[in-house]
Amino acid sequence: MPNAFAYLMLFSWPLVAQALFQRLPLHKALIWTILGGYLVLPSATGIKLPMIPLLDKHSIPAISAFVLCHMHAPRQPADQRLMPGAKLVTALLILMIVAPFLTVVTNSEPLFFGPRFIPGLRLYDALSVISGTLVTFLPFLLAYRHLNTPEAHRELLRAFAVGGLACSLPALIEVRLSPQLHVWLYGFFAHDFIQHIRAGGFRPILFLSHGLMVGIFFCMSILSALVLWREARREGKPARGWLMAALWLTAVLVLVKSVGALLITLGLGLVIGLLGRRLQILTALLIAGVALSYPILRGTGVFPVEEIHEMTLSRSVERAQSLKFRFDNEDVLLARANEKPAFGWGGWGRNQIFDPVTGEMVSVTDGIWVILIGVYGWTGYLAYFGLFTLPIMLSVQFRKGANPSLITPGLMLVLGALLIDFLPNAGLVPYVWMIAGALAGLAVRQVEAAGPEAIPAPINDGRSSAPAAPGWRIVLNDKRTA
C-alpha cells in the first residue's frame, strides 16, 4: 500500500511542473513535465473519483502540462484554417472518442461464465472511458502543438538520453540488491516480485510498472544517444560524449536482462549508426507498416510464428516456452475479438477467456494490439495505431535533400522501437503519445507546406530561439508581415 510520501509526491507534481515552466523554454518544460513524472512518480498509486479519470503518474503530469501550456503559450491567429493533413489526425482522435460509445451500444447484454457474472455496459461506462481517453492523449495534443519543430525533436532525444543516464545507476543498484527503490521510497512493491528474478540475478523496476518498461526505456535512451552522436558528427560538433553514453547504456541494458529490448536496440542501433536519412525513414516506414498490419498477419497465419518459436527453442527452452505461451494466448484472444470485430467487447474483462465451469480467467493479455482489438474492436485499434503510425506514413512526402538533419528520422526509429515492443507488450505510456504527437505535428507541417501556396505560420513563445509549433493549422496566403 502506498505511504504518505507517495501521495505527497504525486500531488506535488503540479508545483514541480510550474517551476519547470517558469525556468525553461516551453518545449523543454513540457518534455520534462511528462517524462520526469513518468520516471520518478510512484506506480500503482492514484485516486479514482466517479466520472473523473484516475489521478496517477500518467494523468497528473499530463493535466499539469496542459494547464501550464495554455497559460504560457501564445494564442493562435483567429483566421487560421484546418488543413487536410491535420484533418486526418483530427479524424483519428474523434474516432478514439466515438469508439467507446459504439462499444457500449453493442455490449448491453450481460455475460455468464459458471458462477462469474459480468454486467452489460451502460452509458456511464462510455462516459468514464471517454474522460480517461481525453486525458490519455493530452501528451499527443500538446506535442503536436508545441513540439513539432526539429529543435524540439532534438530536445526529446536529449531528454531520453539524459533520462537514461540518470536512471542507469539506480538500475545497477537494483540489479545488485534486487528491485527495492520503490519499496524504500514509496512503501510497497508495484508488481509481482517473482517476475523480476532473472538469470540468477534481478531485473530492475525503478519507479515504473514493470521491469520490461525499464528495458524498453533504456533501448530508447541508447537509440537517442546514437542519433545525437550521428548528428553531431554530421554538424562537425563534439560527438564522443554521446557515443560513450550509448555504450554505457548498452552495458546497463545487458545487465537489466531484457532480451527483447536488447535485440531491438542492436537492430535499430545498426540502422542509426550506418544508414543515411532516407534509408532510416524507409526502415521506420517498414516497421510502421508491419505494426499496423500485424493483427491481420497473425489472423491469416502469414506471420512466421512456428519459425520464430523453433529459432528461439534452439537457443533457450525457457524463452521458447514463454514465447509459445504468448502466441497461444494471442490466438485465443484474437478469436474472441473476432466474435465482435467492429467495436469489440468493452471493458470489465469481457474480452477475456473464462473457464465455463469455474468462471476463472484462463487467458493472459500482453500485446497492446490484442487488448485494443478485444476491447474496442478494429475501430479502436485503427484509431490508436493510426495515430502511432501516421507520422511515419506521412514521411513519404518528405523531399530528398529538404533537410539533411538526422534528428527527425532518428526520432521516427525511436518510435519504431516502441511499435516493435507493442507487439508482445502493453507499454502504452505518456511518452509514446508525446513522441507520436511531435512527429505528427512536423509531418503535417511538412506535407502542407509542400503545397504551392501553403506556408507554415510559426509562433514564437519569446523564450526560445526555436520556432514554436503552429498548432493544428497552417495559414494560406497570409499577406501580413511577421
Protein backbone atom coordinates (compact mmCIF):
# COMPACT_ATOMS: atom_id res chain seq x y z
CA MET A 1 0.00 0.00 0.00
CA PRO A 2 1.40 3.44 -0.87
CA ASN A 3 2.72 5.53 2.01
CA ALA A 4 2.00 9.20 2.63
CA PHE A 5 5.13 10.27 0.76
CA ALA A 6 3.86 8.54 -2.39
CA TYR A 7 0.71 10.65 -2.40
CA LEU A 8 2.71 13.75 -1.45
CA MET A 9 4.97 13.26 -4.48
CA LEU A 10 2.02 12.57 -6.75
CA PHE A 11 0.03 15.64 -5.86
CA SER A 12 3.07 17.91 -5.59
CA TRP A 13 3.95 17.34 -9.22
CA PRO A 14 1.91 20.35 -10.48
CA LEU A 15 4.21 22.54 -8.38
CA VAL A 16 7.26 20.89 -9.94
CA ALA A 17 5.74 21.45 -13.37
CA GLN A 18 5.11 25.11 -12.56
CA ALA A 19 8.75 25.53 -11.59
CA LEU A 20 9.85 23.91 -14.85
CA PHE A 21 7.65 26.20 -16.94
CA GLN A 22 8.97 29.27 -15.11
CA ARG A 23 12.63 28.37 -15.65
CA LEU A 24 12.76 26.58 -19.03
CA PRO A 25 11.56 27.31 -22.55
CA LEU A 26 8.08 25.95 -23.07
CA HIS A 27 9.06 22.96 -25.20
CA LYS A 28 11.69 21.80 -22.69
CA ALA A 29 9.34 22.30 -19.73
CA LEU A 30 6.65 20.25 -21.49
CA ILE A 31 9.04 17.38 -22.20
CA TRP A 32 10.37 17.17 -18.65
CA THR A 33 6.95 17.56 -17.04
CA ILE A 34 5.70 14.46 -18.88
CA LEU A 35 8.90 12.40 -18.90
CA GLY A 36 10.06 13.36 -15.41
CA GLY A 37 6.71 12.47 -13.90
CA TYR A 38 6.77 9.10 -15.60
CA LEU A 39 10.26 8.29 -14.32
CA VAL A 40 10.05 9.39 -10.68
CA LEU A 41 6.42 9.30 -9.53
CA PRO A 42 5.07 6.16 -7.79
CA SER A 43 3.43 3.40 -9.82
CA ALA A 44 0.06 1.80 -8.94
CA THR A 45 -0.82 4.87 -6.89
CA GLY A 46 -3.73 7.18 -7.54
CA ILE A 47 -7.19 8.39 -6.64
CA LYS A 48 -10.31 7.48 -8.63
CA LEU A 49 -13.42 9.59 -8.32
CA PRO A 50 -16.71 9.00 -10.19
CA MET A 51 -16.67 10.27 -13.79
CA ILE A 52 -13.12 11.58 -13.31
CA PRO A 53 -10.09 9.79 -14.79
CA LEU A 54 -7.72 8.08 -12.40
CA LEU A 55 -5.33 10.68 -10.98
CA ASP A 56 -1.96 8.94 -11.13
CA LYS A 57 1.57 9.31 -12.51
CA HIS A 58 0.24 9.37 -16.08
CA SER A 59 -2.68 11.78 -15.77
CA ILE A 60 -1.37 14.34 -13.27
CA PRO A 61 1.70 15.36 -15.33
CA ALA A 62 -0.42 15.46 -18.49
CA ILE A 63 -3.10 17.65 -16.93
CA SER A 64 -0.45 19.89 -15.35
CA ALA A 65 1.31 20.32 -18.69
CA PHE A 66 -1.98 21.08 -20.44
CA VAL A 67 -2.90 23.84 -17.99
CA LEU A 68 0.58 25.37 -17.97
CA CYS A 69 0.94 25.25 -21.76
CA HIS A 70 -2.39 27.05 -22.03
CA MET A 71 -1.12 29.70 -19.61
CA HIS A 72 2.32 30.21 -21.18
CA ALA A 73 1.80 29.60 -24.90
CA PRO A 74 0.75 32.47 -27.20
CA ARG A 75 -2.65 32.29 -28.79
CA GLN A 76 -3.05 31.41 -32.46
CA PRO A 77 -4.33 33.90 -35.04
CA ALA A 78 -8.09 33.69 -35.45
CA ASP A 79 -8.02 33.34 -39.25
CA GLN A 80 -6.14 30.08 -39.48
CA ARG A 81 -7.80 27.14 -41.22
CA LEU A 82 -7.62 23.43 -40.58
CA MET A 83 -5.69 21.76 -43.40
CA PRO A 84 -6.21 18.23 -44.83
CA GLY A 85 -3.22 16.69 -43.04
CA ALA A 86 -4.46 17.96 -39.70
CA LYS A 87 -7.97 16.79 -40.58
CA LEU A 88 -6.69 13.22 -40.82
CA VAL A 89 -5.18 13.46 -37.35
CA THR A 90 -8.36 15.05 -36.03
CA ALA A 91 -10.47 12.27 -37.58
CA LEU A 92 -8.44 9.61 -35.77
CA LEU A 93 -8.74 11.48 -32.47
CA ILE A 94 -12.51 11.75 -32.92
CA LEU A 95 -12.64 8.04 -33.73
CA MET A 96 -10.92 7.32 -30.40
CA ILE A 97 -13.71 9.21 -28.63
CA VAL A 98 -16.55 7.71 -30.66
CA ALA A 99 -15.33 4.11 -30.32
CA PRO A 100 -16.36 3.70 -26.63
CA PHE A 101 -19.94 4.82 -27.43
CA LEU A 102 -20.18 2.28 -30.23
CA THR A 103 -18.72 -0.41 -27.98
CA VAL A 104 -21.29 0.30 -25.26
CA VAL A 105 -24.20 0.27 -27.71
CA THR A 106 -23.22 -3.19 -28.95
CA ASN A 107 -22.46 -4.69 -25.50
CA SER A 108 -25.51 -4.09 -23.35
CA GLU A 109 -26.01 -7.82 -22.67
CA PRO A 110 -24.56 -9.43 -19.50
CA LEU A 111 -22.16 -12.38 -19.71
CA PHE A 112 -22.18 -15.57 -17.63
CA PHE A 113 -19.26 -17.96 -17.13
CA GLY A 114 -20.25 -20.50 -14.50
CA PRO A 115 -20.55 -18.53 -11.26
CA ARG A 116 -18.99 -15.41 -12.80
CA PHE A 117 -21.36 -12.62 -13.83
CA ILE A 118 -20.18 -9.67 -15.96
CA PRO A 119 -22.82 -6.94 -16.35
CA GLY A 120 -23.69 -5.30 -19.63
CA LEU A 121 -22.21 -1.93 -20.45
CA ARG A 122 -24.06 1.29 -19.74
CA LEU A 123 -23.75 4.87 -20.96
CA TYR A 124 -21.88 5.63 -17.73
CA ASP A 125 -19.14 3.23 -18.83
CA ALA A 126 -18.74 5.06 -22.14
CA LEU A 127 -18.51 8.45 -20.45
CA SER A 128 -15.97 7.11 -17.97
CA VAL A 129 -13.79 5.64 -20.72
CA ILE A 130 -14.03 8.80 -22.82
CA SER A 131 -12.95 11.01 -19.93
CA GLY A 132 -9.93 8.77 -19.43
CA THR A 133 -9.19 8.76 -23.16
CA LEU A 134 -9.23 12.56 -23.29
CA VAL A 135 -6.54 12.68 -20.62
CA THR A 136 -4.60 9.82 -22.19
CA PHE A 137 -3.92 11.60 -25.46
CA LEU A 138 -3.23 15.03 -23.93
CA PRO A 139 0.53 14.43 -24.40
CA PHE A 140 -0.15 13.81 -28.11
CA LEU A 141 -2.09 17.05 -28.49
CA LEU A 142 0.46 19.07 -26.53
CA ALA A 143 3.37 17.64 -28.51
CA TYR A 144 1.51 18.19 -31.79
CA ARG A 145 1.10 21.85 -30.86
CA HIS A 146 4.40 22.64 -29.14
CA LEU A 147 6.99 20.01 -30.17
CA ASN A 148 6.63 19.99 -33.96
CA THR A 149 9.99 21.53 -34.83
CA PRO A 150 13.38 19.87 -35.46
CA GLU A 151 14.80 21.63 -32.41
CA ALA A 152 12.01 20.22 -30.23
CA HIS A 153 12.74 16.76 -31.64
CA ARG A 154 16.38 17.23 -30.69
CA GLU A 155 15.33 18.12 -27.16
CA LEU A 156 13.18 15.00 -26.98
CA LEU A 157 16.17 12.85 -27.91
CA ARG A 158 18.36 14.66 -25.39
CA ALA A 159 15.76 14.13 -22.69
CA PHE A 160 15.58 10.39 -23.31
CA ALA A 161 19.38 10.08 -23.39
CA VAL A 162 19.85 12.15 -20.22
CA GLY A 163 16.95 10.36 -18.53
CA GLY A 164 18.56 7.02 -19.32
CA LEU A 165 21.87 8.16 -17.86
CA ALA A 166 20.11 9.39 -14.72
CA CYS A 167 18.35 6.04 -14.31
CA SER A 168 21.42 3.91 -15.02
CA LEU A 169 22.97 4.00 -11.54
CA PRO A 170 19.65 3.32 -9.72
CA ALA A 171 19.09 0.43 -12.15
CA LEU A 172 22.51 -1.03 -11.34
CA ILE A 173 21.71 -0.76 -7.64
CA GLU A 174 18.57 -2.83 -8.16
CA VAL A 175 20.43 -5.32 -10.35
CA ARG A 176 22.75 -5.92 -7.40
CA LEU A 177 20.39 -5.58 -4.41
CA SER A 178 17.03 -6.57 -6.02
CA PRO A 179 14.30 -4.08 -7.00
CA GLN A 180 13.80 -2.19 -3.76
CA LEU A 181 13.83 1.55 -4.57
CA HIS A 182 10.05 1.74 -4.93
CA VAL A 183 9.68 -0.06 -1.58
CA TRP A 184 12.20 2.16 0.19
CA LEU A 185 10.74 5.41 -1.10
CA TYR A 186 7.02 4.70 -1.58
CA GLY A 187 6.43 1.83 0.83
CA PHE A 188 5.35 -1.02 -1.49
CA PHE A 189 6.38 -3.12 -4.48
CA ALA A 190 4.40 -2.21 -7.58
CA HIS A 191 4.32 -5.62 -9.30
CA ASP A 192 4.97 -9.34 -8.84
CA PHE A 193 8.47 -9.79 -7.39
CA ILE A 194 8.95 -13.27 -8.86
CA GLN A 195 8.80 -11.83 -12.39
CA HIS A 196 11.88 -9.74 -11.66
CA ILE A 197 14.20 -12.63 -10.83
CA ARG A 198 16.18 -13.43 -13.97
CA ALA A 199 19.31 -15.43 -14.84
CA GLY A 200 20.44 -15.84 -11.24
CA GLY A 201 20.02 -12.12 -10.56
CA PHE A 202 17.43 -9.39 -10.63
CA ARG A 203 15.66 -7.26 -13.20
CA PRO A 204 15.27 -3.63 -12.01
CA ILE A 205 11.89 -1.95 -11.96
CA LEU A 206 12.83 1.50 -10.55
CA PHE A 207 9.61 3.55 -10.27
CA LEU A 208 7.95 2.08 -13.36
CA SER A 209 5.21 -0.53 -13.62
CA HIS A 210 7.39 -3.46 -14.73
CA GLY A 211 10.99 -4.38 -15.47
CA LEU A 212 10.14 -4.67 -19.16
CA MET A 213 9.32 -0.95 -19.14
CA VAL A 214 12.80 -0.27 -17.78
CA GLY A 215 14.31 -2.29 -20.62
CA ILE A 216 12.47 -0.51 -23.42
CA PHE A 217 13.24 2.88 -21.86
CA PHE A 218 16.96 2.10 -21.90
CA CYS A 219 16.52 0.97 -25.51
CA MET A 220 15.06 4.39 -26.36
CA SER A 221 17.84 6.14 -24.45
CA ILE A 222 20.54 4.25 -26.37
CA LEU A 223 18.94 4.92 -29.75
CA SER A 224 18.52 8.60 -28.85
CA ALA A 225 22.18 8.90 -27.88
CA LEU A 226 23.21 7.26 -31.16
CA VAL A 227 21.08 9.69 -33.17
CA LEU A 228 22.66 12.64 -31.35
CA TRP A 229 26.11 11.15 -31.98
CA ARG A 230 25.47 10.80 -35.73
CA GLU A 231 24.00 14.29 -35.94
CA ALA A 232 26.89 15.84 -34.00
CA ARG A 233 29.35 14.21 -36.39
CA ARG A 234 27.37 15.48 -39.38
CA GLU A 235 27.41 19.01 -37.96
CA GLY A 236 31.12 18.84 -37.13
CA LYS A 237 30.49 19.18 -33.38
CA PRO A 238 31.95 17.14 -30.48
CA ALA A 239 30.28 13.73 -30.67
CA ARG A 240 32.31 11.39 -28.48
CA GLY A 241 30.22 12.08 -25.37
CA TRP A 242 27.03 10.79 -26.98
CA LEU A 243 28.81 7.67 -28.23
CA MET A 244 30.22 6.94 -24.78
CA ALA A 245 26.74 7.46 -23.30
CA ALA A 246 25.29 4.95 -25.78
CA LEU A 247 27.97 2.37 -24.95
CA TRP A 248 27.45 2.82 -21.20
CA LEU A 249 23.68 2.49 -21.50
CA THR A 250 24.09 -0.61 -23.67
CA ALA A 251 26.17 -2.23 -20.93
CA VAL A 252 23.45 -1.33 -18.42
CA LEU A 253 20.75 -2.77 -20.69
CA VAL A 254 22.66 -6.08 -20.86
CA LEU A 255 22.64 -6.21 -17.05
CA VAL A 256 18.94 -5.28 -16.98
CA LYS A 257 18.26 -8.67 -18.63
CA SER A 258 15.61 -7.52 -21.08
CA VAL A 259 16.39 -9.61 -24.17
CA GLY A 260 13.64 -8.19 -26.34
CA ALA A 261 14.72 -4.59 -25.72
CA LEU A 262 18.35 -5.54 -26.33
CA LEU A 263 17.53 -7.14 -29.70
CA ILE A 264 15.56 -4.06 -30.76
CA THR A 265 18.47 -1.87 -29.67
CA LEU A 266 21.04 -3.85 -31.64
CA GLY A 267 18.93 -3.97 -34.80
CA LEU A 268 17.87 -0.33 -34.90
CA GLY A 269 21.22 0.82 -33.49
CA LEU A 270 22.90 -0.52 -36.63
CA VAL A 271 20.34 1.28 -38.79
CA ILE A 272 21.01 4.57 -36.99
CA GLY A 273 24.75 4.12 -36.98
CA LEU A 274 25.25 3.01 -40.58
CA LEU A 275 22.39 4.16 -42.81
CA GLY A 276 21.56 7.56 -44.24
CA ARG A 277 18.50 9.68 -43.72
CA ARG A 278 16.28 8.26 -46.47
CA LEU A 279 17.04 4.64 -45.57
CA GLN A 280 16.29 5.40 -41.93
CA ILE A 281 12.90 6.82 -42.90
CA LEU A 282 12.19 3.79 -45.09
CA THR A 283 13.12 1.46 -42.21
CA ALA A 284 10.75 3.33 -39.88
CA LEU A 285 8.07 3.17 -42.58
CA LEU A 286 8.51 -0.59 -42.91
CA ILE A 287 8.21 -1.04 -39.13
CA ALA A 288 5.06 1.10 -39.07
CA GLY A 289 3.50 -0.93 -41.87
CA VAL A 290 4.22 -4.23 -40.15
CA ALA A 291 2.95 -2.94 -36.79
CA LEU A 292 -0.29 -1.65 -38.32
CA SER A 293 -0.95 -4.88 -40.21
CA TYR A 294 0.30 -7.29 -37.53
CA PRO A 295 -3.18 -8.45 -36.39
CA ILE A 296 -4.05 -9.33 -39.99
CA LEU A 297 -0.73 -11.15 -40.43
CA ARG A 298 -1.40 -13.11 -37.23
CA GLY A 299 -5.01 -13.87 -38.07
CA THR A 300 -4.22 -15.11 -41.57
CA GLY A 301 -1.22 -17.18 -40.48
CA VAL A 302 1.23 -15.17 -42.60
CA PHE A 303 3.36 -14.15 -39.62
CA PRO A 304 6.03 -16.88 -39.10
CA VAL A 305 5.01 -17.98 -35.60
CA GLU A 306 6.33 -21.53 -35.81
CA GLU A 307 9.62 -20.47 -37.36
CA ILE A 308 10.24 -17.91 -34.62
CA HIS A 309 9.37 -20.47 -31.95
CA GLU A 310 11.76 -23.04 -33.41
CA MET A 311 14.55 -20.49 -33.68
CA THR A 312 14.04 -19.45 -30.06
CA LEU A 313 13.88 -23.08 -28.94
CA SER A 314 17.33 -23.72 -30.37
CA ARG A 315 18.73 -21.04 -28.04
CA SER A 316 16.66 -21.21 -24.85
CA VAL A 317 13.92 -23.66 -23.86
CA GLU A 318 12.62 -21.32 -21.16
CA ARG A 319 12.26 -18.36 -23.52
CA ALA A 320 10.73 -20.56 -26.21
CA GLN A 321 8.08 -21.74 -23.74
CA SER A 322 7.35 -18.15 -22.74
CA LEU A 323 7.06 -17.14 -26.40
CA LYS A 324 4.78 -20.08 -27.18
CA PHE A 325 2.56 -19.13 -24.24
CA ARG A 326 2.25 -15.59 -25.62
CA PHE A 327 1.41 -16.79 -29.13
CA ASP A 328 -1.20 -19.25 -27.84
CA ASN A 329 -2.91 -16.54 -25.80
CA GLU A 330 -2.86 -14.17 -28.78
CA ASP A 331 -4.62 -16.82 -30.86
CA VAL A 332 -7.47 -17.40 -28.41
CA LEU A 333 -7.89 -13.70 -27.64
CA LEU A 334 -7.91 -12.81 -31.32
CA ALA A 335 -10.55 -15.49 -31.91
CA ARG A 336 -12.58 -13.98 -29.06
CA ALA A 337 -12.19 -10.48 -30.54
CA ASN A 338 -13.33 -11.72 -33.95
CA GLU A 339 -16.72 -12.55 -32.46
CA LYS A 340 -17.29 -8.78 -32.28
CA PRO A 341 -14.75 -7.42 -34.76
CA ALA A 342 -16.15 -3.94 -35.37
CA PHE A 343 -16.46 -2.46 -31.87
CA GLY A 344 -15.12 -5.13 -29.52
CA TRP A 345 -16.37 -6.44 -26.19
CA GLY A 346 -15.70 -3.46 -23.92
CA GLY A 347 -14.08 -3.46 -20.50
CA TRP A 348 -14.64 -5.34 -17.25
CA GLY A 349 -12.79 -8.33 -18.70
CA ARG A 350 -15.47 -9.03 -21.30
CA ASN A 351 -12.75 -9.57 -23.91
CA GLN A 352 -11.05 -12.31 -21.85
CA ILE A 353 -11.44 -16.10 -21.87
CA PHE A 354 -13.02 -17.71 -18.78
CA ASP A 355 -13.47 -21.29 -17.70
CA PRO A 356 -17.17 -22.07 -18.36
CA VAL A 357 -17.40 -24.15 -15.16
CA THR A 358 -15.31 -22.36 -12.54
CA GLY A 359 -15.51 -18.86 -14.01
CA GLU A 360 -11.76 -18.38 -13.61
CA MET A 361 -9.90 -16.26 -16.17
CA VAL A 362 -7.69 -18.54 -18.26
CA SER A 363 -6.26 -16.01 -20.74
CA VAL A 364 -3.36 -13.58 -20.33
CA THR A 365 -3.11 -10.41 -22.41
CA ASP A 366 0.31 -8.99 -23.25
CA GLY A 367 0.41 -7.10 -26.54
CA ILE A 368 -1.43 -3.78 -26.57
CA TRP A 369 -2.75 -4.55 -30.07
CA VAL A 370 -4.78 -7.57 -28.94
CA ILE A 371 -6.08 -5.61 -25.95
CA LEU A 372 -7.31 -2.78 -28.16
CA ILE A 373 -8.98 -5.11 -30.67
CA GLY A 374 -10.63 -7.11 -27.89
CA VAL A 375 -11.93 -4.05 -26.04
CA TYR A 376 -12.73 -1.60 -28.86
CA GLY A 377 -12.62 -3.79 -31.96
CA TRP A 378 -10.96 -2.77 -35.20
CA THR A 379 -12.45 0.70 -34.85
CA GLY A 380 -10.46 1.42 -31.71
CA TYR A 381 -7.38 -0.40 -32.94
CA LEU A 382 -7.18 1.65 -36.15
CA ALA A 383 -7.72 4.87 -34.21
CA TYR A 384 -4.88 4.16 -31.78
CA PHE A 385 -2.38 2.58 -34.15
CA GLY A 386 -3.32 5.05 -36.85
CA LEU A 387 -2.09 7.85 -34.59
CA PHE A 388 1.09 5.92 -33.78
CA THR A 389 1.95 5.13 -37.39
CA LEU A 390 0.54 8.14 -39.24
CA PRO A 391 3.56 10.39 -38.51
CA ILE A 392 5.86 7.84 -40.12
CA MET A 393 3.47 7.18 -43.01
CA LEU A 394 3.40 10.89 -43.82
CA SER A 395 7.20 10.86 -44.05
CA VAL A 396 6.97 9.52 -47.61
CA GLN A 397 6.01 13.07 -48.58
CA PHE A 398 9.38 14.42 -47.45
CA ARG A 399 11.52 15.62 -50.32
CA LYS A 400 15.05 14.36 -50.79
CA GLY A 401 17.57 16.92 -49.59
CA ALA A 402 14.91 19.11 -47.99
CA ASN A 403 16.66 18.81 -44.63
CA PRO A 404 19.86 16.79 -44.19
CA SER A 405 19.39 16.50 -40.42
CA LEU A 406 19.20 13.00 -38.93
CA ILE A 407 17.24 14.15 -35.87
CA THR A 408 13.67 13.58 -37.05
CA PRO A 409 14.41 10.29 -38.89
CA GLY A 410 16.15 9.15 -35.72
CA LEU A 411 13.10 10.03 -33.64
CA MET A 412 10.99 8.02 -36.10
CA LEU A 413 13.19 5.00 -35.41
CA VAL A 414 12.77 5.53 -31.66
CA LEU A 415 9.00 5.42 -32.24
CA GLY A 416 9.60 2.36 -34.42
CA ALA A 417 11.31 0.65 -31.48
CA LEU A 418 8.20 1.27 -29.39
CA LEU A 419 5.95 -0.11 -32.14
CA ILE A 420 8.00 -3.31 -32.20
CA ASP A 421 7.73 -3.54 -28.42
CA PHE A 422 3.95 -3.11 -28.66
CA LEU A 423 3.62 -6.47 -30.40
CA PRO A 424 4.50 -8.59 -27.33
CA ASN A 425 3.96 -5.97 -24.61
CA ALA A 426 1.47 -3.32 -23.49
CA GLY A 427 3.76 -0.39 -22.71
CA LEU A 428 1.42 2.39 -23.83
CA VAL A 429 2.65 5.25 -21.61
CA PRO A 430 2.60 9.08 -21.95
CA TYR A 431 5.98 9.48 -23.64
CA VAL A 432 4.75 7.27 -26.52
CA TRP A 433 1.95 9.73 -27.19
CA MET A 434 4.40 12.62 -26.85
CA ILE A 435 6.76 11.22 -29.50
CA ALA A 436 3.89 10.41 -31.88
CA GLY A 437 2.41 13.88 -31.45
CA ALA A 438 5.73 15.62 -32.04
CA LEU A 439 6.34 13.66 -35.24
CA ALA A 440 2.75 14.12 -36.44
CA GLY A 441 2.93 17.86 -35.92
CA LEU A 442 6.08 18.25 -38.00
CA ALA A 443 4.88 15.79 -40.65
CA VAL A 444 1.65 17.74 -41.14
CA ARG A 445 3.59 20.99 -41.38
CA GLN A 446 5.98 19.48 -43.93
CA VAL A 447 3.22 18.00 -46.07
CA GLU A 448 1.05 21.10 -46.05
CA ALA A 449 3.99 23.42 -46.65
CA ALA A 450 4.86 21.38 -49.75
CA GLY A 451 1.75 22.76 -51.47
CA PRO A 452 2.23 25.63 -53.91
CA GLU A 453 0.52 28.20 -51.71
CA ALA A 454 0.94 26.75 -48.24
CA ILE A 455 3.38 28.31 -45.83
CA PRO A 456 3.91 27.50 -42.15
CA ALA A 457 2.73 30.03 -39.63
CA PRO A 458 5.37 29.86 -36.88
CA ILE A 459 4.67 31.29 -33.49
CA ASN A 460 7.48 32.06 -31.05
CA ASP A 461 6.94 31.86 -27.33
CA GLY A 462 9.54 34.56 -26.73
CA ARG A 463 11.76 32.33 -24.64
CA SER A 464 13.41 30.11 -27.24
CA SER A 465 15.27 30.68 -30.46
CA ALA A 466 13.46 27.70 -31.98
CA PRO A 467 10.18 28.48 -33.75
CA ALA A 468 7.22 27.33 -31.73
CA ALA A 469 4.69 24.98 -33.25
CA PRO A 470 1.81 26.43 -35.21
CA GLY A 471 -0.67 24.05 -33.64
CA TRP A 472 -3.35 22.37 -35.71
CA ARG A 473 -3.45 24.86 -38.54
CA ILE A 474 -1.45 26.46 -41.31
CA VAL A 475 -2.09 29.90 -42.78
CA LEU A 476 -2.67 30.13 -46.54
CA ASN A 477 -1.81 33.27 -48.46
CA ASP A 478 -1.35 35.30 -45.31
CA LYS A 479 -0.20 38.69 -46.64
CA ARG A 480 0.52 40.22 -43.25
CA THR A 481 4.15 40.76 -42.41
CA ALA A 482 5.55 38.81 -39.49
